[in-house]
Amino acid sequence: MTSKYAPLWNYIGKLNQEDFFLSFEQIKQILGFEIDHSFLNYKKELPDYGYSVSKISLKNKTVKFSKIESK
């Protein structure tokens, strides 16, 4: 089954940047819907794409993504 966040994970996986932020609005544009509390569960899928969620700022409405060091 494909995750509802797969479009976001694919987008992030293709960026090939070390650390970067995406605003909630940018994420909404990529996905077609706003992230909600379920994002906390779905973010566990992201390491399969070489990244992790390192910070979620509700104040700034941003999510910081970090590239995982490949071994």
N, C-alpha and C. Protein backbone atom coordinates (compact mmCIF):
# COMPACT_ATOMS: atom_id res chain seq x y z
N MET A 1 0.84 -1.19 0.00
CA MET A 1 0.00 0.00 0.00
C MET A 1 0.89 1.26 0.00
N THR A 2 0.52 2.20 -0.80
CA THR A 2 1.29 3.44 -0.90
C THR A 2 0.85 4.41 0.19
N SER A 3 1.83 5.02 0.81
CA SER A 3 1.56 6.00 1.86
C SER A 3 0.94 7.26 1.27
N LYS A 4 0.06 7.90 2.05
CA LYS A 4 -0.50 9.16 1.58
C LYS A 4 0.57 10.25 1.53
N TYR A 5 1.70 10.01 2.18
CA TYR A 5 2.81 10.97 2.16
C TYR A 5 3.86 10.64 1.11
N ALA A 6 3.65 9.60 0.31
CA ALA A 6 4.64 9.19 -0.70
C ALA A 6 5.05 10.34 -1.64
N PRO A 7 4.13 11.19 -2.10
CA PRO A 7 4.57 12.30 -2.97
C PRO A 7 5.59 13.22 -2.29
N LEU A 8 5.41 13.45 -1.00
CA LEU A 8 6.35 14.29 -0.24
C LEU A 8 7.68 13.57 -0.08
N TRP A 9 7.65 12.30 0.28
CA TRP A 9 8.90 11.55 0.45
C TRP A 9 9.67 11.49 -0.86
N ASN A 10 8.98 11.27 -1.97
CA ASN A 10 9.66 11.24 -3.28
C ASN A 10 10.29 12.59 -3.60
N TYR A 11 9.57 13.65 -3.33
CA TYR A 11 10.08 15.01 -3.56
C TYR A 11 11.36 15.24 -2.74
N ILE A 12 11.31 14.90 -1.48
CA ILE A 12 12.46 15.09 -0.58
C ILE A 12 13.64 14.24 -1.03
N GLY A 13 13.36 13.00 -1.40
CA GLY A 13 14.42 12.09 -1.83
C GLY A 13 15.18 12.58 -3.04
N LYS A 14 14.52 13.35 -3.88
CA LYS A 14 15.16 13.87 -5.12
C LYS A 14 15.92 15.17 -4.90
N LEU A 15 15.73 15.82 -3.75
CA LEU A 15 16.37 17.11 -3.52
C LEU A 15 17.88 17.01 -3.34
N ASN A 16 18.32 15.94 -2.70
CA ASN A 16 19.76 15.71 -2.47
C ASN A 16 20.44 16.89 -1.78
N GLN A 17 19.82 17.37 -0.71
CA GLN A 17 20.41 18.43 0.12
C GLN A 17 20.64 17.85 1.51
N GLU A 18 21.60 18.42 2.23
CA GLU A 18 21.91 17.94 3.58
C GLU A 18 20.76 18.21 4.55
N ASP A 19 20.56 19.47 4.89
CA ASP A 19 19.50 19.90 5.80
C ASP A 19 18.71 21.01 5.12
N PHE A 20 17.41 20.96 5.24
CA PHE A 20 16.58 22.02 4.64
C PHE A 20 15.23 22.06 5.35
N PHE A 21 14.56 23.19 5.17
CA PHE A 21 13.24 23.40 5.74
C PHE A 21 12.21 23.44 4.62
N LEU A 22 11.03 22.93 4.91
CA LEU A 22 9.87 23.14 4.05
C LEU A 22 8.78 23.72 4.96
N SER A 23 8.09 24.73 4.46
CA SER A 23 6.98 25.29 5.24
C SER A 23 5.77 24.37 5.13
N PHE A 24 4.87 24.51 6.07
CA PHE A 24 3.63 23.73 6.01
C PHE A 24 2.92 24.00 4.69
N GLU A 25 2.99 25.25 4.22
CA GLU A 25 2.33 25.61 2.96
C GLU A 25 2.99 24.90 1.77
N GLN A 26 4.31 24.84 1.75
CA GLN A 26 5.01 24.12 0.67
C GLN A 26 4.63 22.64 0.68
N ILE A 27 4.57 22.07 1.86
CA ILE A 27 4.19 20.66 1.98
C ILE A 27 2.77 20.45 1.48
N LYS A 28 1.88 21.38 1.81
CA LYS A 28 0.49 21.30 1.35
C LYS A 28 0.44 21.34 -0.18
N GLN A 29 1.28 22.18 -0.81
CA GLN A 29 1.30 22.26 -2.27
C GLN A 29 1.79 20.96 -2.90
N ILE A 30 2.75 20.31 -2.27
CA ILE A 30 3.28 19.05 -2.79
C ILE A 30 2.26 17.93 -2.64
N LEU A 31 1.61 17.88 -1.47
CA LEU A 31 0.70 16.77 -1.17
C LEU A 31 -0.73 16.99 -1.64
N GLY A 32 -1.16 18.25 -1.67
CA GLY A 32 -2.56 18.54 -1.99
C GLY A 32 -3.44 18.56 -0.75
N PHE A 33 -2.84 18.40 0.42
CA PHE A 33 -3.59 18.50 1.68
C PHE A 33 -2.62 18.96 2.78
N GLU A 34 -3.20 19.48 3.85
CA GLU A 34 -2.38 19.96 4.96
C GLU A 34 -1.93 18.78 5.83
N ILE A 35 -0.70 18.90 6.37
CA ILE A 35 -0.26 17.85 7.28
C ILE A 35 -1.06 17.96 8.58
N ASP A 36 -1.27 16.82 9.21
CA ASP A 36 -2.00 16.79 10.46
C ASP A 36 -1.24 15.92 11.46
N HIS A 37 -1.87 15.57 12.54
CA HIS A 37 -1.19 14.81 13.60
C HIS A 37 -0.66 13.47 13.08
N SER A 38 -1.29 12.90 12.07
CA SER A 38 -0.84 11.60 11.53
C SER A 38 0.56 11.69 10.93
N PHE A 39 1.01 12.91 10.61
CA PHE A 39 2.36 13.10 10.07
C PHE A 39 3.41 12.52 11.02
N LEU A 40 3.14 12.60 12.32
CA LEU A 40 4.08 12.09 13.31
C LEU A 40 4.29 10.58 13.17
N ASN A 41 3.25 9.87 12.77
CA ASN A 41 3.39 8.43 12.53
C ASN A 41 4.02 8.15 11.17
N TYR A 42 3.58 8.87 10.15
CA TYR A 42 4.06 8.62 8.80
C TYR A 42 5.52 9.00 8.59
N LYS A 43 6.04 9.92 9.42
CA LYS A 43 7.44 10.35 9.24
C LYS A 43 8.42 9.19 9.43
N LYS A 44 7.97 8.10 10.04
CA LYS A 44 8.81 6.92 10.21
C LYS A 44 9.17 6.28 8.86
N GLU A 45 8.43 6.59 7.81
CA GLU A 45 8.70 6.05 6.47
C GLU A 45 9.86 6.78 5.80
N LEU A 46 10.15 7.99 6.23
CA LEU A 46 11.11 8.84 5.55
C LEU A 46 12.54 8.29 5.47
N PRO A 47 13.05 7.59 6.49
CA PRO A 47 14.41 7.04 6.36
C PRO A 47 14.61 6.14 5.15
N ASP A 48 13.53 5.53 4.66
CA ASP A 48 13.63 4.72 3.43
C ASP A 48 14.03 5.57 2.23
N TYR A 49 13.86 6.88 2.34
CA TYR A 49 14.18 7.81 1.26
C TYR A 49 15.47 8.58 1.55
N GLY A 50 16.16 8.20 2.64
CA GLY A 50 17.46 8.80 2.95
C GLY A 50 17.42 10.04 3.83
N TYR A 51 16.27 10.32 4.42
CA TYR A 51 16.12 11.53 5.24
C TYR A 51 15.40 11.23 6.54
N SER A 52 15.48 12.17 7.47
CA SER A 52 14.71 12.10 8.70
C SER A 52 14.12 13.48 8.98
N VAL A 53 13.09 13.49 9.79
CA VAL A 53 12.51 14.76 10.25
C VAL A 53 13.29 15.12 11.52
N SER A 54 13.99 16.25 11.48
CA SER A 54 14.79 16.61 12.65
C SER A 54 14.12 17.65 13.54
N LYS A 55 13.16 18.40 12.99
CA LYS A 55 12.46 19.38 13.82
C LYS A 55 11.15 19.78 13.15
N ILE A 56 10.12 19.88 13.97
CA ILE A 56 8.83 20.40 13.51
C ILE A 56 8.56 21.64 14.35
N SER A 57 8.44 22.80 13.71
CA SER A 57 8.16 24.04 14.43
C SER A 57 6.73 24.47 14.15
N LEU A 58 5.88 24.33 15.16
CA LEU A 58 4.50 24.79 15.01
C LEU A 58 4.46 26.31 14.99
N LYS A 59 5.38 26.94 15.72
CA LYS A 59 5.44 28.40 15.76
C LYS A 59 5.76 28.98 14.38
N ASN A 60 6.80 28.42 13.74
CA ASN A 60 7.22 28.92 12.42
C ASN A 60 6.52 28.22 11.27
N LYS A 61 5.76 27.18 11.59
CA LYS A 61 5.06 26.38 10.57
C LYS A 61 6.05 25.83 9.54
N THR A 62 7.11 25.21 10.04
CA THR A 62 8.12 24.60 9.17
C THR A 62 8.48 23.21 9.69
N VAL A 63 9.02 22.41 8.77
CA VAL A 63 9.57 21.11 9.12
C VAL A 63 11.00 21.09 8.60
N LYS A 64 11.93 20.69 9.48
CA LYS A 64 13.33 20.58 9.08
C LYS A 64 13.61 19.11 8.77
N PHE A 65 14.19 18.89 7.61
CA PHE A 65 14.57 17.55 7.16
C PHE A 65 16.09 17.46 7.12
N SER A 66 16.61 16.30 7.51
CA SER A 66 18.06 16.09 7.51
C SER A 66 18.40 14.82 6.76
N LYS A 67 19.45 14.91 5.95
CA LYS A 67 19.90 13.73 5.22
C LYS A 67 20.55 12.75 6.19
N ILE A 68 20.26 11.50 6.03
CA ILE A 68 20.83 10.46 6.87
C ILE A 68 22.17 10.06 6.27
N GLU A 69 23.19 9.98 7.12
CA GLU A 69 24.51 9.56 6.66
C GLU A 69 24.44 8.13 6.15
N SER A 70 24.89 7.92 4.93
CA SER A 70 24.92 6.57 4.39
C SER A 70 26.20 5.89 4.87
N LYS A 71 26.10 4.64 5.18
CA LYS A 71 27.25 3.92 5.74
C LYS A 71 28.03 3.21 4.67
